[in-house]
C-alpha atoms as a PDB file:
ATOM      1  CA  MET A   1      16.718  -5.178  27.448  1.00  0.00           C
ATOM      2  CA  GLN A   2      14.171  -5.365  30.208  1.00  0.00           C
ATOM      3  CA  THR A   3      10.870  -6.779  28.948  1.00  0.00           C
ATOM      4  CA  PRO A   4       7.663  -5.042  30.062  1.00  0.00           C
ATOM      5  CA  THR A   5       4.737  -7.255  31.010  1.00  0.00           C
ATOM      6  CA  ARG A   6       2.129  -4.996  29.427  1.00  0.00           C
ATOM      7  CA  GLY A   7       1.864  -2.620  26.487  1.00  0.00           C
ATOM      8  CA  ILE A   8       4.058  -2.353  23.401  1.00  0.00           C
ATOM      9  CA  LEU A   9       7.272  -4.321  23.145  1.00  0.00           C
ATOM     10  CA  ALA A  10       9.912  -3.470  20.532  1.00  0.00           C
ATOM     11  CA  LEU A  11      12.345  -6.275  19.680  1.00  0.00           C
ATOM     12  CA  SER A  12      15.375  -6.260  17.376  1.00  0.00           C
ATOM     13  CA  SER A  13      13.823  -8.886  15.094  1.00  0.00           C
ATOM     14  CA  LEU A  14      10.186  -7.728  15.288  1.00  0.00           C
ATOM     15  CA  LEU A  15       9.145  -4.195  14.542  1.00  0.00           C
ATOM     16  CA  LEU A  16       6.133  -3.970  16.878  1.00  0.00           C
ATOM     17  CA  VAL A  17       4.691  -6.429  19.386  1.00  0.00           C
ATOM     18  CA  PHE A  18       1.475  -5.654  21.235  1.00  0.00           C
ATOM     19  CA  SER A  19       1.336  -7.972  24.252  1.00  0.00           C
ATOM     20  CA  PHE A  20      -1.347  -8.107  26.971  1.00  0.00           C
ATOM     21  CA  VAL A  21      -3.188  -5.133  25.483  1.00  0.00           C
ATOM     22  CA  THR A  22      -6.951  -4.635  25.966  1.00  0.00           C
ATOM     23  CA  ASN A  23      -9.355  -2.244  24.203  1.00  0.00           C
ATOM     24  CA  ALA A  24      -7.086  -0.483  21.740  1.00  0.00           C
ATOM     25  CA  THR A  25      -7.272   0.976  18.239  1.00  0.00           C
ATOM     26  CA  ILE A  26      -4.080   1.092  16.172  1.00  0.00           C
ATOM     27  CA  SER A  27      -4.416   3.095  12.968  1.00  0.00           C
ATOM     28  CA  GLY A  28      -2.419   4.925  10.339  1.00  0.00           C
ATOM     29  CA  ILE A  29       0.838   3.019  10.926  1.00  0.00           C
ATOM     30  CA  SER A  30       3.259   2.249   8.096  1.00  0.00           C
ATOM     31  CA  SER A  31       5.966  -0.410   8.411  1.00  0.00           C
ATOM     32  CA  VAL A  32       8.752  -0.863   5.857  1.00  0.00           C
ATOM     33  CA  ASP A  33      11.431  -3.579   5.628  1.00  0.00           C
ATOM     34  CA  SER A  34      11.199  -5.179   9.057  1.00  0.00           C
ATOM     35  CA  LYS A  35      13.807  -7.871   9.754  1.00  0.00           C
ATOM     36  CA  LEU A  36      11.090 -10.439  10.533  1.00  0.00           C
ATOM     37  CA  PHE A  37       7.424  -9.974  11.494  1.00  0.00           C
ATOM     38  CA  HIS A  38       6.261  -6.408  11.071  1.00  0.00           C
ATOM     39  CA  LEU A  39       3.507  -6.435  13.675  1.00  0.00           C
ATOM     40  CA  GLN A  40       2.497  -9.078  16.221  1.00  0.00           C
ATOM     41  CA  ILE A  41      -0.539  -9.285  18.498  1.00  0.00           C
ATOM     42  CA  PHE A  42      -0.075 -11.627  21.467  1.00  0.00           C
ATOM     43  CA  GLU A  43      -2.267 -12.388  24.502  1.00  0.00           C
ATOM     44  CA  SER A  44      -4.482  -9.404  23.752  1.00  0.00           C
ATOM     45  CA  ARG A  45      -8.200  -8.755  23.276  1.00  0.00           C
ATOM     46  CA  ASP A  46     -10.543  -6.195  21.707  1.00  0.00           C
ATOM     47  CA  ILE A  47      -7.974  -4.722  19.327  1.00  0.00           C
ATOM     48  CA  THR A  48      -8.722  -2.938  16.031  1.00  0.00           C
ATOM     49  CA  LEU A  49      -6.000  -2.465  13.421  1.00  0.00           C
ATOM     50  CA  ASP A  50      -7.128   0.042  10.793  1.00  0.00           C
ATOM     51  CA  SER A  51      -5.425   1.650   7.796  1.00  0.00           C
ATOM     52  CA  ILE A  52      -2.141  -0.204   8.272  1.00  0.00           C
ATOM     53  CA  ARG A  53       0.413  -0.185   5.434  1.00  0.00           C
ATOM     54  CA  ILE A  54       3.156  -2.823   5.412  1.00  0.00           C
ATOM     55  CA  SER A  55       5.791  -3.480   2.763  1.00  0.00           C
ATOM     56  CA  ALA A  56       8.907  -5.620   2.386  1.00  0.00           C
ATOM     57  CA  PRO A  57      10.855  -6.908  -0.630  1.00  0.00           C
ATOM     58  CA  GLY A  58       9.456 -10.044  -2.259  1.00  0.00           C
ATOM     59  CA  ASP A  59      12.657 -11.976  -1.475  1.00  0.00           C
ATOM     60  CA  SER A  60      12.908 -11.133   2.246  1.00  0.00           C
ATOM     61  CA  PRO A  61      12.265 -14.278   4.368  1.00  0.00           C
ATOM     62  CA  ASN A  62       9.882 -14.499   7.343  1.00  0.00           C
ATOM     63  CA  THR A  63       8.587 -10.979   6.946  1.00  0.00           C
ATOM     64  CA  ASP A  64       4.990 -11.718   7.927  1.00  0.00           C
ATOM     65  CA  GLY A  65       2.866  -8.593   7.853  1.00  0.00           C
ATOM     66  CA  ILE A  66       0.612  -9.151  10.870  1.00  0.00           C
ATOM     67  CA  HIS A  67       0.797 -12.192  13.142  1.00  0.00           C
ATOM     68  CA  ILE A  68      -1.957 -12.871  15.691  1.00  0.00           C
ATOM     69  CA  ALA A  69      -1.731 -15.501  18.435  1.00  0.00           C
ATOM     70  CA  ASP A  70      -3.477 -16.269  21.742  1.00  0.00           C
ATOM     71  CA  SER A  71      -5.764 -13.279  21.273  1.00  0.00           C
ATOM     72  CA  THR A  72      -9.524 -12.608  21.145  1.00  0.00           C
ATOM     73  CA  ASN A  73     -11.728 -10.136  19.279  1.00  0.00           C
ATOM     74  CA  ILE A  74      -9.123  -8.780  16.872  1.00  0.00           C
ATOM     75  CA  GLN A  75     -10.084  -6.857  13.733  1.00  0.00           C
ATOM     76  CA  VAL A  76      -7.824  -5.942  10.807  1.00  0.00           C
ATOM     77  CA  ALA A  77      -9.453  -3.573   8.319  1.00  0.00           C
ATOM     78  CA  ASN A  78      -8.766  -1.225   5.397  1.00  0.00           C
ATOM     79  CA  SER A  79      -5.092  -2.139   5.142  1.00  0.00           C
ATOM     80  CA  VAL A  80      -2.470  -2.772   2.450  1.00  0.00           C
ATOM     81  CA  ILE A  81       0.128  -5.500   3.060  1.00  0.00           C
ATOM     82  CA  GLY A  82       2.893  -6.698   0.741  1.00  0.00           C
ATOM     83  CA  THR A  83       5.715  -8.924   2.041  1.00  0.00           C
ATOM     84  CA  SER A  84       7.684 -12.067   1.235  1.00  0.00           C
ATOM     85  CA  ASP A  85       5.698 -14.185   3.709  1.00  0.00           C
ATOM     86  CA  ASP A  86       2.120 -14.274   4.994  1.00  0.00           C
ATOM     87  CA  CYS A  87       0.278 -10.978   4.714  1.00  0.00           C
ATOM     88  CA  ILE A  88      -1.646 -12.041   7.818  1.00  0.00           C
ATOM     89  CA  SER A  89      -0.866 -15.195   9.799  1.00  0.00           C
ATOM     90  CA  ILE A  90      -3.067 -16.573  12.545  1.00  0.00           C
ATOM     91  CA  GLY A  91      -1.510 -18.719  15.232  1.00  0.00           C
ATOM     92  CA  PRO A  92      -2.874 -20.981  17.981  1.00  0.00           C
ATOM     93  CA  GLY A  93      -5.217 -19.624  20.617  1.00  0.00           C
ATOM     94  CA  SER A  94      -6.862 -17.047  18.367  1.00  0.00           C
ATOM     95  CA  THR A  95     -10.646 -16.564  18.636  1.00  0.00           C
ATOM     96  CA  ASN A  96     -13.196 -14.246  17.038  1.00  0.00           C
ATOM     97  CA  LEU A  97     -11.033 -12.580  14.405  1.00  0.00           C
ATOM     98  CA  THR A  98     -12.239 -10.372  11.551  1.00  0.00           C
ATOM     99  CA  ILE A  99     -10.199  -9.418   8.486  1.00  0.00           C
ATOM    100  CA  PHE A 100     -11.990  -6.928   6.242  1.00  0.00           C
ATOM    101  CA  ASN A 101     -11.045  -4.944   3.126  1.00  0.00           C
ATOM    102  CA  VAL A 102      -7.370  -5.907   3.076  1.00  0.00           C
ATOM    103  CA  LEU A 103      -5.204  -5.729  -0.058  1.00  0.00           C
ATOM    104  CA  CYS A 104      -2.599  -8.505   0.105  1.00  0.00           C
ATOM    105  CA  GLY A 105       0.339  -8.986  -2.233  1.00  0.00           C
ATOM    106  CA  PRO A 106       3.006  -9.924  -2.834  1.00  0.00           C
ATOM    107  CA  GLY A 107       3.427 -12.568  -0.156  1.00  0.00           C
ATOM    108  CA  HIS A 108       2.050 -15.925   0.939  1.00  0.00           C
ATOM    109  CA  GLY A 109      -1.552 -14.829   1.340  1.00  0.00           C
ATOM    110  CA  ILE A 110      -3.737 -15.085   4.455  1.00  0.00           C
ATOM    111  CA  SER A 111      -2.837 -18.142   6.512  1.00  0.00           C
ATOM    112  CA  VAL A 112      -4.127 -19.993   9.551  1.00  0.00           C
ATOM    113  CA  GLY A 113      -1.207 -21.860  11.076  1.00  0.00           C
ATOM    114  CA  SER A 114       0.833 -23.663  11.001  1.00  0.00           C
ATOM    115  CA  LEU A 115      -0.987 -25.462  13.828  1.00  0.00           C
ATOM    116  CA  GLY A 116       0.028 -28.523  15.806  1.00  0.00           C
ATOM    117  CA  LYS A 117       3.790 -28.095  15.877  1.00  0.00           C
ATOM    118  CA  ASN A 118       4.088 -27.594  19.634  1.00  0.00           C
ATOM    119  CA  ALA A 119       2.481 -29.115  22.701  1.00  0.00           C
ATOM    120  CA  ASN A 120      -0.187 -27.173  24.620  1.00  0.00           C
ATOM    121  CA  GLU A 121      -1.395 -25.211  21.618  1.00  0.00           C
ATOM    122  CA  LYS A 122      -4.949 -23.894  21.916  1.00  0.00           C
ATOM    123  CA  ASP A 123      -7.878 -23.978  19.476  1.00  0.00           C
ATOM    124  CA  VAL A 124      -8.441 -21.431  16.730  1.00  0.00           C
ATOM    125  CA  ASN A 125     -12.144 -20.641  16.702  1.00  0.00           C
ATOM    126  CA  GLY A 126     -14.109 -18.014  14.807  1.00  0.00           C
ATOM    127  CA  LEU A 127     -12.490 -16.298  11.818  1.00  0.00           C
ATOM    128  CA  THR A 128     -14.167 -14.094   9.201  1.00  0.00           C
ATOM    129  CA  VAL A 129     -12.234 -12.900   6.153  1.00  0.00           C
ATOM    130  CA  ARG A 130     -14.389 -10.730   3.899  1.00  0.00           C
ATOM    131  CA  LYS A 131     -13.974  -8.368   0.928  1.00  0.00           C
ATOM    132  CA  CYS A 132     -10.228  -8.848   0.562  1.00  0.00           C
ATOM    133  CA  THR A 133      -8.142  -8.815  -2.624  1.00  0.00           C
ATOM    134  CA  LEU A 134      -5.021 -10.923  -3.104  1.00  0.00           C
ATOM    135  CA  THR A 135      -2.656 -10.117  -5.974  1.00  0.00           C
ATOM    136  CA  GLY A 136       0.341 -12.155  -7.130  1.00  0.00           C
ATOM    137  CA  THR A 137       0.618 -14.151  -3.923  1.00  0.00           C
ATOM    138  CA  THR A 138       2.077 -17.665  -3.740  1.00  0.00           C
ATOM    139  CA  ASN A 139      -0.960 -18.817  -1.754  1.00  0.00           C
ATOM    140  CA  GLY A 140      -4.408 -17.382  -1.308  1.00  0.00           C
ATOM    141  CA  LEU A 141      -6.479 -18.571   1.649  1.00  0.00           C
ATOM    142  CA  ARG A 142      -4.584 -21.290   3.490  1.00  0.00           C
ATOM    143  CA  ILE A 143      -5.062 -23.504   6.557  1.00  0.00           C
ATOM    144  CA  LYS A 144      -1.980 -25.557   7.420  1.00  0.00           C
ATOM    145  CA  THR A 145      -1.416 -28.152  10.146  1.00  0.00           C
ATOM    146  CA  TRP A 146       1.485 -30.461  10.908  1.00  0.00           C
ATOM    147  CA  PRO A 147       1.025 -34.143   9.996  1.00  0.00           C
ATOM    148  CA  SER A 148       2.243 -35.288  13.410  1.00  0.00           C
ATOM    149  CA  SER A 149       1.095 -33.150  16.290  1.00  0.00           C
ATOM    150  CA  PRO A 150       1.946 -33.312  20.000  1.00  0.00           C
ATOM    151  CA  ALA A 151      -1.165 -31.206  20.678  1.00  0.00           C
ATOM    152  CA  THR A 152      -4.859 -31.996  20.287  1.00  0.00           C
ATOM    153  CA  LEU A 153      -6.686 -28.938  19.030  1.00  0.00           C
ATOM    154  CA  LYS A 154      -9.371 -27.707  16.651  1.00  0.00           C
ATOM    155  CA  ALA A 155      -9.615 -25.122  13.904  1.00  0.00           C
ATOM    156  CA  THR A 156     -13.319 -24.345  13.555  1.00  0.00           C
ATOM    157  CA  GLY A 157     -15.844 -21.771  12.431  1.00  0.00           C
ATOM    158  CA  PHE A 158     -14.077 -20.018   9.533  1.00  0.00           C
ATOM    159  CA  LEU A 159     -15.782 -17.943   6.836  1.00  0.00           C
ATOM    160  CA  PHE A 160     -13.928 -16.687   3.756  1.00  0.00           C
ATOM    161  CA  GLU A 161     -16.324 -14.592   1.663  1.00  0.00           C
ATOM    162  CA  ASP A 162     -16.262 -12.112  -1.239  1.00  0.00           C
ATOM    163  CA  ILE A 163     -12.566 -12.602  -2.008  1.00  0.00           C
ATOM    164  CA  ILE A 164     -10.901 -11.540  -5.265  1.00  0.00           C
ATOM    165  CA  MET A 165      -7.822 -13.436  -6.490  1.00  0.00           C
ATOM    166  CA  ASN A 166      -5.574 -11.771  -9.094  1.00  0.00           C
ATOM    167  CA  ASN A 167      -3.038 -14.208 -10.572  1.00  0.00           C
ATOM    168  CA  VAL A 168      -2.656 -16.129  -7.315  1.00  0.00           C
ATOM    169  CA  TYR A 169      -0.887 -19.481  -6.997  1.00  0.00           C
ATOM    170  CA  ASN A 170      -2.935 -21.999  -5.006  1.00  0.00           C
ATOM    171  CA  PRO A 171      -5.940 -19.749  -4.226  1.00  0.00           C
ATOM    172  CA  ILE A 172      -7.619 -22.155  -1.760  1.00  0.00           C
ATOM    173  CA  ILE A 173      -5.611 -24.612   0.344  1.00  0.00           C
ATOM    174  CA  ILE A 174      -6.279 -26.847   3.316  1.00  0.00           C
ATOM    175  CA  ASP A 175      -3.111 -28.789   4.077  1.00  0.00           C
ATOM    176  CA  GLN A 176      -3.010 -31.194   7.022  1.00  0.00           C
ATOM    177  CA  ASN A 177       0.362 -32.541   5.883  1.00  0.00           C
ATOM    178  CA  TYR A 178       2.239 -29.257   6.139  1.00  0.00           C
ATOM    179  CA  CYS A 179       5.994 -29.541   6.593  1.00  0.00           C
ATOM    180  CA  PRO A 180       8.424 -26.991   5.135  1.00  0.00           C
ATOM    181  CA  TYR A 181      11.467 -29.247   5.531  1.00  0.00           C
ATOM    182  CA  ALA A 182      13.020 -31.745   3.132  1.00  0.00           C
ATOM    183  CA  ASN A 183      12.693 -34.620   5.631  1.00  0.00           C
ATOM    184  CA  CYS A 184       9.635 -34.811   7.852  1.00  0.00           C
ATOM    185  CA  PRO A 185       9.749 -37.942  10.033  1.00  0.00           C
ATOM    186  CA  GLU A 186       6.578 -39.193  11.658  1.00  0.00           C
ATOM    187  CA  MET A 187       6.418 -38.711  15.428  1.00  0.00           C
ATOM    188  CA  VAL A 188       5.702 -41.508  17.883  1.00  0.00           C
ATOM    189  CA  TYR A 189       4.240 -40.930  21.342  1.00  0.00           C
ATOM    190  CA  LEU A 190       4.100 -43.180  24.392  1.00  0.00           C
ATOM    191  CA  ILE A 191       0.642 -43.029  25.951  1.00  0.00           C
ATOM    192  CA  ALA A 192       1.000 -45.906  28.429  1.00  0.00           C
ATOM    193  CA  THR A 193       3.547 -47.196  30.906  1.00  0.00           C
ATOM    194  CA  THR A 194       5.086 -49.830  28.638  1.00  0.00           C
ATOM    195  CA  ALA A 195       6.452 -49.761  25.113  1.00  0.00           C
ATOM    196  CA  LYS A 196       3.781 -52.276  24.172  1.00  0.00           C
ATOM    197  CA  TYR A 197       1.269 -49.455  23.976  1.00  0.00           C
ATOM    198  CA  ILE A 198       3.174 -47.041  21.751  1.00  0.00           C
ATOM    199  CA  ILE A 199       0.971 -45.582  19.045  1.00  0.00           C
ATOM    200  CA  ARG A 200       1.772 -43.415  16.059  1.00  0.00           C
ATOM    201  CA  VAL A 201      -0.123 -40.130  15.959  1.00  0.00           C
ATOM    202  CA  LEU A 202      -0.887 -39.030  12.391  1.00  0.00           C
ATOM    203  CA  ASN A 203      -2.707 -35.780  13.071  1.00  0.00           C
ATOM    204  CA  LEU A 204      -4.480 -34.396  16.118  1.00  0.00           C
ATOM    205  CA  VAL A 205      -5.653 -31.089  14.615  1.00  0.00           C
ATOM    206  CA  LYS A 206      -9.345 -31.194  13.705  1.00  0.00           C
ATOM    207  CA  ILE A 207     -10.526 -28.884  10.906  1.00  0.00           C
ATOM    208  CA  LYS A 208     -14.285 -28.308  10.986  1.00  0.00           C
ATOM    209  CA  ASP A 209     -16.937 -25.907   9.661  1.00  0.00           C
ATOM    210  CA  ILE A 210     -14.917 -24.024   7.070  1.00  0.00           C
ATOM    211  CA  LYS A 211     -16.795 -21.977   4.466  1.00  0.00           C
ATOM    212  CA  PHE A 212     -15.434 -20.523   1.216  1.00  0.00           C
ATOM    213  CA  ARG A 213     -18.053 -18.340  -0.512  1.00  0.00           C
ATOM    214  CA  ASN A 214     -17.890 -16.131  -3.591  1.00  0.00           C
ATOM    215  CA  ILE A 215     -14.195 -16.538  -4.355  1.00  0.00           C
ATOM    216  CA  THR A 216     -13.509 -15.141  -7.838  1.00  0.00           C
ATOM    217  CA  GLY A 217     -10.631 -14.084 -10.066  1.00  0.00           C
ATOM    218  CA  SER A 218      -7.645 -15.867 -11.550  1.00  0.00           C
ATOM    219  CA  SER A 219      -5.241 -18.631 -10.575  1.00  0.00           C
ATOM    220  CA  VAL A 220      -1.717 -19.042 -11.933  1.00  0.00           C
ATOM    221  CA  SER A 221      -1.590 -22.695 -10.853  1.00  0.00           C
ATOM    222  CA  PRO A 222      -3.824 -25.280 -12.578  1.00  0.00           C
ATOM    223  CA  GLU A 223      -4.790 -26.697  -9.160  1.00  0.00           C
ATOM    224  CA  ALA A 224      -6.808 -23.766  -7.860  1.00  0.00           C
ATOM    225  CA  ILE A 225      -8.381 -25.693  -4.976  1.00  0.00           C
ATOM    226  CA  LYS A 226      -6.279 -28.089  -2.936  1.00  0.00           C
ATOM    227  CA  LEU A 227      -7.748 -30.005   0.022  1.00  0.00           C
ATOM    228  CA  VAL A 228      -5.251 -32.333   1.700  1.00  0.00           C
ATOM    229  CA  CYS A 229      -7.035 -33.755   4.714  1.00  0.00           C
ATOM    230  CA  SER A 230      -5.686 -36.228   7.256  1.00  0.00           C
ATOM    231  CA  LYS A 231      -6.855 -39.829   7.331  1.00  0.00           C
ATOM    232  CA  ALA A 232      -6.747 -39.717  11.122  1.00  0.00           C
ATOM    233  CA  THR A 233      -8.782 -36.522  11.639  1.00  0.00           C
ATOM    234  CA  SER A 234     -10.466 -35.780   8.336  1.00  0.00           C
ATOM    235  CA  CYS A 235     -11.808 -32.345   7.443  1.00  0.00           C
ATOM    236  CA  GLU A 236     -15.477 -31.958   8.330  1.00  0.00           C
ATOM    237  CA  GLY A 237     -18.058 -29.467   7.098  1.00  0.00           C
ATOM    238  CA  VAL A 238     -15.926 -27.792   4.420  1.00  0.00           C
ATOM    239  CA  GLU A 239     -18.234 -25.761   2.157  1.00  0.00           C
ATOM    240  CA  LEU A 240     -17.329 -24.338  -1.257  1.00  0.00           C
ATOM    241  CA  ASN A 241     -19.932 -22.025  -2.794  1.00  0.00           C
ATOM    242  CA  ASP A 242     -19.734 -19.764  -5.854  1.00  0.00           C
ATOM    243  CA  ILE A 243     -16.079 -20.379  -6.667  1.00  0.00           C
ATOM    244  CA  ILE A 244     -15.122 -18.990 -10.095  1.00  0.00           C
ATOM    245  CA  LEU A 245     -11.377 -18.996 -10.812  1.00  0.00           C
ATOM    246  CA  LYS A 246      -9.909 -18.699 -14.301  1.00  0.00           C
ATOM    247  CA  CYS A 247      -6.497 -20.262 -14.869  1.00  0.00           C
ATOM    248  CA  ASN A 248      -3.830 -17.921 -16.278  1.00  0.00           C
ATOM    249  CA  GLY A 249      -1.029 -20.487 -16.092  1.00  0.00           C
ATOM    250  CA  ASP A 250       0.624 -22.783 -18.625  1.00  0.00           C
ATOM    251  CA  ASP A 251      -1.668 -23.341 -21.627  1.00  0.00           C
ATOM    252  CA  SER A 252      -0.932 -27.077 -21.601  1.00  0.00           C
ATOM    253  CA  GLN A 253      -2.425 -27.381 -18.111  1.00  0.00           C
ATOM    254  CA  LYS A 254      -4.964 -24.594 -18.265  1.00  0.00           C
ATOM    255  CA  TYR A 255      -8.489 -25.107 -17.053  1.00  0.00           C
ATOM    256  CA  ASP A 256     -10.978 -22.918 -15.237  1.00  0.00           C
ATOM    257  CA  VAL A 257     -12.809 -23.715 -11.996  1.00  0.00           C
ATOM    258  CA  TYR A 258     -16.533 -23.131 -11.756  1.00  0.00           C
ATOM    259  CA  LEU A 259     -17.784 -24.571  -8.482  1.00  0.00           C
ATOM    260  CA  PHE A 260     -21.188 -23.373  -7.388  1.00  0.00           C
ATOM    261  CA  SER A 261     -21.865 -25.634  -4.401  1.00  0.00           C
ATOM    262  CA  CYS A 262     -19.944 -28.392  -2.702  1.00  0.00           C
ATOM    263  CA  LEU A 263     -19.816 -29.740   0.866  1.00  0.00           C
ATOM    264  CA  TRP A 264     -17.303 -32.141   2.422  1.00  0.00           C
END
């Protein structure tokens, strides 16, 4: 198939890809049972996605609802997404994104990343997620970066606010040791002309200025908030305000989270 350089690209494994699109509104679309990602935004700017409905069986792998990468000024609003993977996933090079009034579930929640897997990845800067409801998802709000990264980049300026969790596993996660494989060897990089100067890179993805505000509802897992930050590039400016999550999991491990103000 000949690939167009602009406009909408339909692939056998992806239902819809919007590449190199500027100033567009996409509304009233329903997507059911895509093979992989339902809808992808790539190298685009000033796009509004409104009233999108996406569904896939809970056991269908890699069926992300909406994936955004290398794009600027993207808004997703008033939509319903239920898949077996991320409802919305945000990849490298994304800036000034807004996610508003989205119902997510089932699936893996709303995720930034994974970041740092490949060389030449760009920063993710400016994300607002507001007035969303997540139900029965295996994660809630998640930022994930690889423990050994060939790229130096930042994930900064995120606001998650007025979010309702309904029986969500792991409602709030920052994971700088993300690796979905059984064996995850550390990477070693040569930065000088002789082997004498080999250094081991632990993590080159900086997470900074992340705000979680007014997150309420219920967690199925006893560990409702999980912050796994790298020793090499620690998380900076992580704010947790008005977090109230009741645990609906195993009674032997049950406890509720009431966190009114905390700053890392």
